[in-house]
Amino acid sequence: MGLLKDSQRRTTSIQWPAEVDAHLDILVRLAADEGIPISRAQMLSALVANASLSGPTVAKIARRYLGQLKVGDLTRAAPDSDELPAVRHRGRQRAQPS
């Protein structure tokens, strides 16, 4: 059996808050800081593949996102970006949020 990361692909389109998108970039940079080069798509896949399959745990995460997280919460919790390595994104470059 091959690795999950190398299996058949499915293309998705995700629209989410710019702050969540920036948080994904931080996760990618944190992995890079630990010597693990990973793309944004691979990081999303890793997070989903490792997510809990416990209904109450999933509900708690959804409840927090839908009703508790405020604009700026992720940004305030993020490490100083100057302390993380720059990561070059492969593929098409995304437009910067305005």
PDB file of N, CA and C in Angstrom:
ATOM      1  N   MET A   1       0.834  -1.191   0.000  1.00  0.00           N
ATOM      2  CA  MET A   1       0.000   0.000   0.000  1.00  0.00           C
ATOM      3  C   MET A   1       0.870   1.242   0.000  1.00  0.00           C
ATOM      4  N   GLY A   2       0.437   2.226  -0.768  1.00  0.00           N
ATOM      5  CA  GLY A   2       1.180   3.474  -0.848  1.00  0.00           C
ATOM      6  C   GLY A   2       0.785   4.442   0.256  1.00  0.00           C
ATOM      7  N   LEU A   3       1.483   5.542   0.289  1.00  0.00           N
ATOM      8  CA  LEU A   3       1.183   6.581   1.269  1.00  0.00           C
ATOM      9  C   LEU A   3      -0.087   7.333   0.885  1.00  0.00           C
ATOM     10  N   LEU A   4      -0.858   7.713   1.870  1.00  0.00           N
ATOM     11  CA  LEU A   4      -2.090   8.463   1.633  1.00  0.00           C
ATOM     12  C   LEU A   4      -1.802   9.737   0.843  1.00  0.00           C
ATOM     13  N   LYS A   5      -0.696  10.408   1.162  1.00  0.00           N
ATOM     14  CA  LYS A   5      -0.363  11.668   0.489  1.00  0.00           C
ATOM     15  C   LYS A   5      -0.167  11.499  -1.016  1.00  0.00           C
ATOM     16  N   ASP A   6       0.098  10.280  -1.455  1.00  0.00           N
ATOM     17  CA  ASP A   6       0.332  10.020  -2.874  1.00  0.00           C
ATOM     18  C   ASP A   6      -0.877   9.413  -3.579  1.00  0.00           C
ATOM     19  N   SER A   7      -1.994   9.312  -2.895  1.00  0.00           N
ATOM     20  CA  SER A   7      -3.171   8.662  -3.472  1.00  0.00           C
ATOM     21  C   SER A   7      -3.944   9.608  -4.395  1.00  0.00           C
ATOM     22  N   GLN A   8      -5.015   9.095  -4.970  1.00  0.00           N
ATOM     23  CA  GLN A   8      -5.829   9.851  -5.924  1.00  0.00           C
ATOM     24  C   GLN A   8      -6.256  11.193  -5.331  1.00  0.00           C
ATOM     25  N   ARG A   9      -6.240  12.212  -6.161  1.00  0.00           N
ATOM     26  CA  ARG A   9      -6.545  13.582  -5.735  1.00  0.00           C
ATOM     27  C   ARG A   9      -7.978  13.973  -6.058  1.00  0.00           C
ATOM     28  N   ARG A  10      -8.458  14.935  -5.302  1.00  0.00           N
ATOM     29  CA  ARG A  10      -9.743  15.568  -5.568  1.00  0.00           C
ATOM     30  C   ARG A  10      -9.551  17.061  -5.369  1.00  0.00           C
ATOM     31  N   THR A  11      -9.989  17.849  -6.317  1.00  0.00           N
ATOM     32  CA  THR A  11      -9.855  19.298  -6.231  1.00  0.00           C
ATOM     33  C   THR A  11     -11.066  19.878  -5.521  1.00  0.00           C
ATOM     34  N   THR A  12     -10.797  20.782  -4.594  1.00  0.00           N
ATOM     35  CA  THR A  12     -11.876  21.454  -3.880  1.00  0.00           C
ATOM     36  C   THR A  12     -11.663  22.958  -3.950  1.00  0.00           C
ATOM     37  N   SER A  13     -12.706  23.676  -3.686  1.00  0.00           N
ATOM     38  CA  SER A  13     -12.630  25.131  -3.626  1.00  0.00           C
ATOM     39  C   SER A  13     -13.089  25.544  -2.236  1.00  0.00           C
ATOM     40  N   ILE A  14     -12.229  26.256  -1.545  1.00  0.00           N
ATOM     41  CA  ILE A  14     -12.540  26.658  -0.174  1.00  0.00           C
ATOM     42  C   ILE A  14     -12.565  28.176  -0.093  1.00  0.00           C
ATOM     43  N   GLN A  15     -13.625  28.693   0.476  1.00  0.00           N
ATOM     44  CA  GLN A  15     -13.686  30.118   0.795  1.00  0.00           C
ATOM     45  C   GLN A  15     -13.751  30.221   2.304  1.00  0.00           C
ATOM     46  N   TRP A  16     -12.834  31.007   2.860  1.00  0.00           N
ATOM     47  CA  TRP A  16     -12.795  31.165   4.303  1.00  0.00           C
ATOM     48  C   TRP A  16     -12.223  32.519   4.647  1.00  0.00           C
ATOM     49  N   PRO A  17     -12.326  32.917   5.899  1.00  0.00           N
ATOM     50  CA  PRO A  17     -11.812  34.228   6.292  1.00  0.00           C
ATOM     51  C   PRO A  17     -10.303  34.351   6.042  1.00  0.00           C
ATOM     52  N   ALA A  18      -9.882  35.550   5.680  1.00  0.00           N
ATOM     53  CA  ALA A  18      -8.463  35.812   5.424  1.00  0.00           C
ATOM     54  C   ALA A  18      -7.611  35.460   6.639  1.00  0.00           C
ATOM     55  N   GLU A  19      -8.138  35.659   7.824  1.00  0.00           N
ATOM     56  CA  GLU A  19      -7.385  35.350   9.042  1.00  0.00           C
ATOM     57  C   GLU A  19      -7.124  33.844   9.167  1.00  0.00           C
ATOM     58  N   VAL A  20      -8.072  33.031   8.735  1.00  0.00           N
ATOM     59  CA  VAL A  20      -7.882  31.574   8.743  1.00  0.00           C
ATOM     60  C   VAL A  20      -6.821  31.199   7.710  1.00  0.00           C
ATOM     61  N   ASP A  21      -6.862  31.851   6.558  1.00  0.00           N
ATOM     62  CA  ASP A  21      -5.871  31.604   5.516  1.00  0.00           C
ATOM     63  C   ASP A  21      -4.466  31.942   6.017  1.00  0.00           C
ATOM     64  N   ALA A  22      -4.343  33.062   6.707  1.00  0.00           N
ATOM     65  CA  ALA A  22      -3.049  33.458   7.269  1.00  0.00           C
ATOM     66  C   ALA A  22      -2.596  32.455   8.334  1.00  0.00           C
ATOM     67  N   HIS A  23      -3.551  31.910   9.075  1.00  0.00           N
ATOM     68  CA  HIS A  23      -3.229  30.919  10.106  1.00  0.00           C
ATOM     69  C   HIS A  23      -2.681  29.642   9.468  1.00  0.00           C
ATOM     70  N   LEU A  24      -3.235  29.263   8.325  1.00  0.00           N
ATOM     71  CA  LEU A  24      -2.707  28.105   7.596  1.00  0.00           C
ATOM     72  C   LEU A  24      -1.258  28.365   7.194  1.00  0.00           C
ATOM     73  N   ASP A  25      -0.971  29.562   6.720  1.00  0.00           N
ATOM     74  CA  ASP A  25       0.411  29.899   6.370  1.00  0.00           C
ATOM     75  C   ASP A  25       1.333  29.763   7.582  1.00  0.00           C
ATOM     76  N   ILE A  26       0.860  30.165   8.744  1.00  0.00           N
ATOM     77  CA  ILE A  26       1.671  30.044   9.959  1.00  0.00           C
ATOM     78  C   ILE A  26       1.929  28.575  10.281  1.00  0.00           C
ATOM     79  N   LEU A  27       0.917  27.735  10.126  1.00  0.00           N
ATOM     80  CA  LEU A  27       1.113  26.298  10.374  1.00  0.00           C
ATOM     81  C   LEU A  27       2.171  25.722   9.434  1.00  0.00           C
ATOM     82  N   VAL A  28       2.130  26.129   8.173  1.00  0.00           N
ATOM     83  CA  VAL A  28       3.123  25.671   7.195  1.00  0.00           C
ATOM     84  C   VAL A  28       4.518  26.145   7.610  1.00  0.00           C
ATOM     85  N   ARG A  29       4.604  27.382   8.059  1.00  0.00           N
ATOM     86  CA  ARG A  29       5.898  27.926   8.483  1.00  0.00           C
ATOM     87  C   ARG A  29       6.397  27.260   9.765  1.00  0.00           C
ATOM     88  N   LEU A  30       5.493  26.920  10.667  1.00  0.00           N
ATOM     89  CA  LEU A  30       5.897  26.206  11.883  1.00  0.00           C
ATOM     90  C   LEU A  30       6.472  24.833  11.538  1.00  0.00           C
ATOM     91  N   ALA A  31       5.850  24.154  10.587  1.00  0.00           N
ATOM     92  CA  ALA A  31       6.374  22.856  10.146  1.00  0.00           C
ATOM     93  C   ALA A  31       7.751  23.038   9.515  1.00  0.00           C
ATOM     94  N   ALA A  32       7.890  24.068   8.683  1.00  0.00           N
ATOM     95  CA  ALA A  32       9.183  24.346   8.048  1.00  0.00           C
ATOM     96  C   ALA A  32      10.251  24.627   9.101  1.00  0.00           C
ATOM     97  N   ASP A  33       9.859  25.314  10.159  1.00  0.00           N
ATOM     98  CA  ASP A  33      10.793  25.623  11.242  1.00  0.00           C
ATOM     99  C   ASP A  33      11.285  24.353  11.930  1.00  0.00           C
ATOM    100  N   GLU A  34      10.496  23.292  11.846  1.00  0.00           N
ATOM    101  CA  GLU A  34      10.876  21.997  12.419  1.00  0.00           C
ATOM    102  C   GLU A  34      11.528  21.091  11.375  1.00  0.00           C
ATOM    103  N   GLY A  35      11.817  21.650  10.195  1.00  0.00           N
ATOM    104  CA  GLY A  35      12.493  20.886   9.156  1.00  0.00           C
ATOM    105  C   GLY A  35      11.573  20.058   8.280  1.00  0.00           C
ATOM    106  N   ILE A  36      10.282  20.358   8.305  1.00  0.00           N
ATOM    107  CA  ILE A  36       9.320  19.593   7.505  1.00  0.00           C
ATOM    108  C   ILE A  36       8.747  20.493   6.417  1.00  0.00           C
ATOM    109  N   PRO A  37       9.240  20.347   5.188  1.00  0.00           N
ATOM    110  CA  PRO A  37       8.660  21.128   4.096  1.00  0.00           C
ATOM    111  C   PRO A  37       7.295  20.546   3.732  1.00  0.00           C
ATOM    112  N   ILE A  38       6.276  21.371   3.771  1.00  0.00           N
ATOM    113  CA  ILE A  38       4.912  20.907   3.500  1.00  0.00           C
ATOM    114  C   ILE A  38       4.156  22.025   2.797  1.00  0.00           C
ATOM    115  N   SER A  39       3.352  21.662   1.836  1.00  0.00           N
ATOM    116  CA  SER A  39       2.548  22.658   1.125  1.00  0.00           C
ATOM    117  C   SER A  39       1.291  22.969   1.934  1.00  0.00           C
ATOM    118  N   ARG A  40       0.611  24.014   1.535  1.00  0.00           N
ATOM    119  CA  ARG A  40      -0.655  24.368   2.187  1.00  0.00           C
ATOM    120  C   ARG A  40      -1.660  23.229   2.031  1.00  0.00           C
ATOM    121  N   ALA A  41      -1.750  22.669   0.835  1.00  0.00           N
ATOM    122  CA  ALA A  41      -2.690  21.565   0.595  1.00  0.00           C
ATOM    123  C   ALA A  41      -2.326  20.351   1.446  1.00  0.00           C
ATOM    124  N   GLN A  42      -1.038  20.063   1.547  1.00  0.00           N
ATOM    125  CA  GLN A  42      -0.609  18.934   2.371  1.00  0.00           C
ATOM    126  C   GLN A  42      -0.914  19.188   3.843  1.00  0.00           C
ATOM    127  N   MET A  43      -0.745  20.435   4.290  1.00  0.00           N
ATOM    128  CA  MET A  43      -1.049  20.755   5.686  1.00  0.00           C
ATOM    129  C   MET A  43      -2.538  20.583   5.959  1.00  0.00           C
ATOM    130  N   LEU A  44      -3.377  21.072   5.056  1.00  0.00           N
ATOM    131  CA  LEU A  44      -4.820  20.878   5.231  1.00  0.00           C
ATOM    132  C   LEU A  44      -5.161  19.390   5.273  1.00  0.00           C
ATOM    133  N   SER A  45      -4.558  18.632   4.374  1.00  0.00           N
ATOM    134  CA  SER A  45      -4.797  17.186   4.346  1.00  0.00           C
ATOM    135  C   SER A  45      -4.345  16.538   5.648  1.00  0.00           C
ATOM    136  N   ALA A  46      -3.192  16.948   6.150  1.00  0.00           N
ATOM    137  CA  ALA A  46      -2.685  16.388   7.404  1.00  0.00           C
ATOM    138  C   ALA A  46      -3.626  16.701   8.562  1.00  0.00           C
ATOM    139  N   LEU A  47      -4.125  17.924   8.605  1.00  0.00           N
ATOM    140  CA  LEU A  47      -5.035  18.308   9.687  1.00  0.00           C
ATOM    141  C   LEU A  47      -6.334  17.510   9.631  1.00  0.00           C
ATOM    142  N   VAL A  48      -6.890  17.355   8.437  1.00  0.00           N
ATOM    143  CA  VAL A  48      -8.135  16.594   8.287  1.00  0.00           C
ATOM    144  C   VAL A  48      -7.893  15.114   8.584  1.00  0.00           C
ATOM    145  N   ALA A  49      -6.797  14.573   8.067  1.00  0.00           N
ATOM    146  CA  ALA A  49      -6.503  13.153   8.264  1.00  0.00           C
ATOM    147  C   ALA A  49      -6.277  12.817   9.738  1.00  0.00           C
ATOM    148  N   ASN A  50      -5.826  13.793  10.508  1.00  0.00           N
ATOM    149  CA  ASN A  50      -5.541  13.551  11.922  1.00  0.00           C
ATOM    150  C   ASN A  50      -6.623  14.078  12.855  1.00  0.00           C
ATOM    151  N   ALA A  51      -7.714  14.553  12.290  1.00  0.00           N
ATOM    152  CA  ALA A  51      -8.799  15.093  13.110  1.00  0.00           C
ATOM    153  C   ALA A  51      -9.492  13.973  13.888  1.00  0.00           C
ATOM    154  N   SER A  52      -9.981  14.331  15.035  1.00  0.00           N
ATOM    155  CA  SER A  52     -10.720  13.387  15.871  1.00  0.00           C
ATOM    156  C   SER A  52     -11.996  12.943  15.166  1.00  0.00           C
ATOM    157  N   LEU A  53     -12.358  11.699  15.371  1.00  0.00           N
ATOM    158  CA  LEU A  53     -13.626  11.184  14.850  1.00  0.00           C
ATOM    159  C   LEU A  53     -14.634  11.005  15.979  1.00  0.00           C
ATOM    160  N   SER A  54     -14.419  11.717  17.053  1.00  0.00           N
ATOM    161  CA  SER A  54     -15.347  11.717  18.180  1.00  0.00           C
ATOM    162  C   SER A  54     -16.378  12.819  17.952  1.00  0.00           C
ATOM    163  N   GLY A  55     -17.640  12.448  17.914  1.00  0.00           N
ATOM    164  CA  GLY A  55     -18.704  13.431  17.700  1.00  0.00           C
ATOM    165  C   GLY A  55     -18.634  14.612  18.650  1.00  0.00           C
ATOM    166  N   PRO A  56     -18.518  14.374  19.957  1.00  0.00           N
ATOM    167  CA  PRO A  56     -18.450  15.497  20.891  1.00  0.00           C
ATOM    168  C   PRO A  56     -17.234  16.403  20.654  1.00  0.00           C
ATOM    169  N   THR A  57     -16.109  15.816  20.298  1.00  0.00           N
ATOM    170  CA  THR A  57     -14.910  16.616  20.040  1.00  0.00           C
ATOM    171  C   THR A  57     -15.089  17.459  18.787  1.00  0.00           C
ATOM    172  N   VAL A  58     -15.627  16.855  17.743  1.00  0.00           N
ATOM    173  CA  VAL A  58     -15.876  17.589  16.500  1.00  0.00           C
ATOM    174  C   VAL A  58     -16.902  18.699  16.749  1.00  0.00           C
ATOM    175  N   ALA A  59     -17.930  18.398  17.513  1.00  0.00           N
ATOM    176  CA  ALA A  59     -18.950  19.403  17.829  1.00  0.00           C
ATOM    177  C   ALA A  59     -18.343  20.575  18.603  1.00  0.00           C
ATOM    178  N   LYS A  60     -17.445  20.281  19.519  1.00  0.00           N
ATOM    179  CA  LYS A  60     -16.793  21.337  20.306  1.00  0.00           C
ATOM    180  C   LYS A  60     -15.976  22.257  19.396  1.00  0.00           C
ATOM    181  N   ILE A  61     -15.250  21.661  18.455  1.00  0.00           N
ATOM    182  CA  ILE A  61     -14.450  22.448  17.505  1.00  0.00           C
ATOM    183  C   ILE A  61     -15.367  23.313  16.640  1.00  0.00           C
ATOM    184  N   ALA A  62     -16.429  22.715  16.116  1.00  0.00           N
ATOM    185  CA  ALA A  62     -17.365  23.456  15.265  1.00  0.00           C
ATOM    186  C   ALA A  62     -18.042  24.575  16.049  1.00  0.00           C
ATOM    187  N   ARG A  63     -18.448  24.268  17.262  1.00  0.00           N
ATOM    188  CA  ARG A  63     -19.110  25.266  18.108  1.00  0.00           C
ATOM    189  C   ARG A  63     -18.179  26.452  18.376  1.00  0.00           C
ATOM    190  N   ARG A  64     -16.914  26.153  18.651  1.00  0.00           N
ATOM    191  CA  ARG A  64     -15.939  27.227  18.911  1.00  0.00           C
ATOM    192  C   ARG A  64     -15.782  28.110  17.677  1.00  0.00           C
ATOM    193  N   TYR A  65     -15.639  27.488  16.505  1.00  0.00           N
ATOM    194  CA  TYR A  65     -15.457  28.269  15.277  1.00  0.00           C
ATOM    195  C   TYR A  65     -16.706  29.084  14.950  1.00  0.00           C
ATOM    196  N   LEU A  66     -17.866  28.458  15.044  1.00  0.00           N
ATOM    197  CA  LEU A  66     -19.105  29.115  14.626  1.00  0.00           C
ATOM    198  C   LEU A  66     -19.617  30.166  15.606  1.00  0.00           C
ATOM    199  N   GLY A  67     -19.276  30.025  16.881  1.00  0.00           N
ATOM    200  CA  GLY A  67     -19.881  30.943  17.831  1.00  0.00           C
ATOM    201  C   GLY A  67     -18.980  31.604  18.844  1.00  0.00           C
ATOM    202  N   GLN A  68     -17.698  31.250  18.847  1.00  0.00           N
ATOM    203  CA  GLN A  68     -16.840  31.813  19.886  1.00  0.00           C
ATOM    204  C   GLN A  68     -15.636  32.572  19.352  1.00  0.00           C
ATOM    205  N   LEU A  69     -15.020  32.095  18.281  1.00  0.00           N
ATOM    206  CA  LEU A  69     -13.837  32.781  17.753  1.00  0.00           C
ATOM    207  C   LEU A  69     -14.222  34.140  17.187  1.00  0.00           C
ATOM    208  N   LYS A  70     -13.485  35.139  17.581  1.00  0.00           N
ATOM    209  CA  LYS A  70     -13.719  36.504  17.107  1.00  0.00           C
ATOM    210  C   LYS A  70     -12.603  36.909  16.153  1.00  0.00           C
ATOM    211  N   VAL A  71     -12.896  37.903  15.331  1.00  0.00           N
ATOM    212  CA  VAL A  71     -11.879  38.454  14.441  1.00  0.00           C
ATOM    213  C   VAL A  71     -10.700  38.909  15.299  1.00  0.00           C
ATOM    214  N   GLY A  72      -9.517  38.487  14.917  1.00  0.00           N
ATOM    215  CA  GLY A  72      -8.305  38.859  15.641  1.00  0.00           C
ATOM    216  C   GLY A  72      -7.823  37.803  16.616  1.00  0.00           C
ATOM    217  N   ASP A  73      -8.673  36.841  16.988  1.00  0.00           N
ATOM    218  CA  ASP A  73      -8.264  35.809  17.948  1.00  0.00           C
ATOM    219  C   ASP A  73      -7.075  34.990  17.438  1.00  0.00           C
ATOM    220  N   LEU A  74      -7.129  34.571  16.185  1.00  0.00           N
ATOM    221  CA  LEU A  74      -6.035  33.759  15.637  1.00  0.00           C
ATOM    222  C   LEU A  74      -4.761  34.592  15.505  1.00  0.00           C
ATOM    223  N   THR A  75      -4.928  35.820  15.069  1.00  0.00           N
ATOM    224  CA  THR A  75      -3.776  36.704  14.891  1.00  0.00           C
ATOM    225  C   THR A  75      -3.084  36.966  16.220  1.00  0.00           C
ATOM    226  N   ARG A  76      -3.857  37.211  17.255  1.00  0.00           N
ATOM    227  CA  ARG A  76      -3.270  37.473  18.573  1.00  0.00           C
ATOM    228  C   ARG A  76      -2.543  36.254  19.132  1.00  0.00           C
ATOM    229  N   ALA A  77      -3.015  35.065  18.815  1.00  0.00           N
ATOM    230  CA  ALA A  77      -2.412  33.836  19.343  1.00  0.00           C
ATOM    231  C   ALA A  77      -1.197  33.377  18.540  1.00  0.00           C
ATOM    232  N   ALA A  78      -0.993  33.964  17.373  1.00  0.00           N
ATOM    233  CA  ALA A  78       0.078  33.518  16.472  1.00  0.00           C
ATOM    234  C   ALA A  78       1.449  33.962  16.974  1.00  0.00           C
ATOM    235  N   PRO A  79       2.462  33.140  16.705  1.00  0.00           N
ATOM    236  CA  PRO A  79       3.828  33.558  17.041  1.00  0.00           C
ATOM    237  C   PRO A  79       4.258  34.716  16.147  1.00  0.00           C
ATOM    238  N   ASP A  80       5.271  35.427  16.570  1.00  0.00           N
ATOM    239  CA  ASP A  80       5.812  36.528  15.778  1.00  0.00           C
ATOM    240  C   ASP A  80       6.313  35.971  14.452  1.00  0.00           C
ATOM    241  N   SER A  81       5.795  36.495  13.356  1.00  0.00           N
ATOM    242  CA  SER A  81       6.157  35.948  12.042  1.00  0.00           C
ATOM    243  C   SER A  81       7.635  36.126  11.722  1.00  0.00           C
ATOM    244  N   ASP A  82       8.294  37.084  12.368  1.00  0.00           N
ATOM    245  CA  ASP A  82       9.731  37.275  12.138  1.00  0.00           C
ATOM    246  C   ASP A  82      10.547  36.103  12.675  1.00  0.00           C
ATOM    247  N   GLU A  83       9.963  35.331  13.570  1.00  0.00           N
ATOM    248  CA  GLU A  83      10.666  34.197  14.170  1.00  0.00           C
ATOM    249  C   GLU A  83      10.531  32.921  13.338  1.00  0.00           C
ATOM    250  N   LEU A  84       9.694  32.958  12.313  1.00  0.00           N
ATOM    251  CA  LEU A  84       9.447  31.767  11.500  1.00  0.00           C
ATOM    252  C   LEU A  84      10.117  31.902  10.135  1.00  0.00           C
ATOM    253  N   PRO A  85      10.521  30.775   9.553  1.00  0.00           N
ATOM    254  CA  PRO A  85      11.159  30.851   8.236  1.00  0.00           C
ATOM    255  C   PRO A  85      10.158  31.250   7.155  1.00  0.00           C
ATOM    256  N   ALA A  86      10.662  31.948   6.162  1.00  0.00           N
ATOM    257  CA  ALA A  86       9.831  32.265   5.002  1.00  0.00           C
ATOM    258  C   ALA A  86       9.624  30.978   4.217  1.00  0.00           C
ATOM    259  N   VAL A  87       8.451  30.826   3.657  1.00  0.00           N
ATOM    260  CA  VAL A  87       8.126  29.630   2.882  1.00  0.00           C
ATOM    261  C   VAL A  87       7.705  30.062   1.496  1.00  0.00           C
ATOM    262  N   ARG A  88       8.313  29.453   0.514  1.00  0.00           N
ATOM    263  CA  ARG A  88       7.945  29.743  -0.874  1.00  0.00           C
ATOM    264  C   ARG A  88       6.815  28.800  -1.252  1.00  0.00           C
ATOM    265  N   HIS A  89       5.707  29.383  -1.687  1.00  0.00           N
ATOM    266  CA  HIS A  89       4.563  28.572  -2.093  1.00  0.00           C
ATOM    267  C   HIS A  89       4.746  28.113  -3.528  1.00  0.00           C
ATOM    268  N   ARG A  90       4.537  26.828  -3.735  1.00  0.00           N
ATOM    269  CA  ARG A  90       4.606  26.288  -5.086  1.00  0.00           C
ATOM    270  C   ARG A  90       3.297  26.573  -5.804  1.00  0.00           C
ATOM    271  N   GLY A  91       3.332  26.524  -7.107  1.00  0.00           N
ATOM    272  CA  GLY A  91       2.106  26.680  -7.879  1.00  0.00           C
ATOM    273  C   GLY A  91       1.692  28.126  -8.046  1.00  0.00           C
ATOM    274  N   ARG A  92       0.437  28.295  -8.417  1.00  0.00           N
ATOM    275  CA  ARG A  92      -0.116  29.614  -8.697  1.00  0.00           C
ATOM    276  C   ARG A  92      -0.108  30.470  -7.438  1.00  0.00           C
ATOM    277  N   GLN A  93       0.314  31.706  -7.580  1.00  0.00           N
ATOM    278  CA  GLN A  93       0.357  32.619  -6.442  1.00  0.00           C
ATOM    279  C   GLN A  93      -1.035  33.182  -6.173  1.00  0.00           C
ATOM    280  N   ARG A  94      -1.377  33.230  -4.904  1.00  0.00           N
ATOM    281  CA  ARG A  94      -2.674  33.747  -4.495  1.00  0.00           C
ATOM    282  C   ARG A  94      -2.626  35.264  -4.401  1.00  0.00           C
ATOM    283  N   ALA A  95      -3.745  35.890  -4.672  1.00  0.00           N
ATOM    284  CA  ALA A  95      -3.845  37.339  -4.503  1.00  0.00           C
ATOM    285  C   ALA A  95      -3.805  37.654  -3.018  1.00  0.00           C
ATOM    286  N   GLN A  96      -3.145  38.731  -2.665  1.00  0.00           N
ATOM    287  CA  GLN A  96      -3.077  39.146  -1.270  1.00  0.00           C
ATOM    288  C   GLN A  96      -4.405  39.779  -0.872  1.00  0.00           C
ATOM    289  N   PRO A  97      -4.887  39.500   0.346  1.00  0.00           N
ATOM    290  CA  PRO A  97      -6.150  40.107   0.778  1.00  0.00           C
ATOM    291  C   PRO A  97      -6.012  41.617   0.891  1.00  0.00           C
ATOM    292  N   SER A  98      -7.094  42.292   0.587  1.00  0.00           N
ATOM    293  CA  SER A  98      -7.045  43.764   0.666  1.00  0.00           C
ATOM    294  C   SER A  98      -7.666  44.264   1.936  1.00  0.00           C
TER     295      SER A  98
END
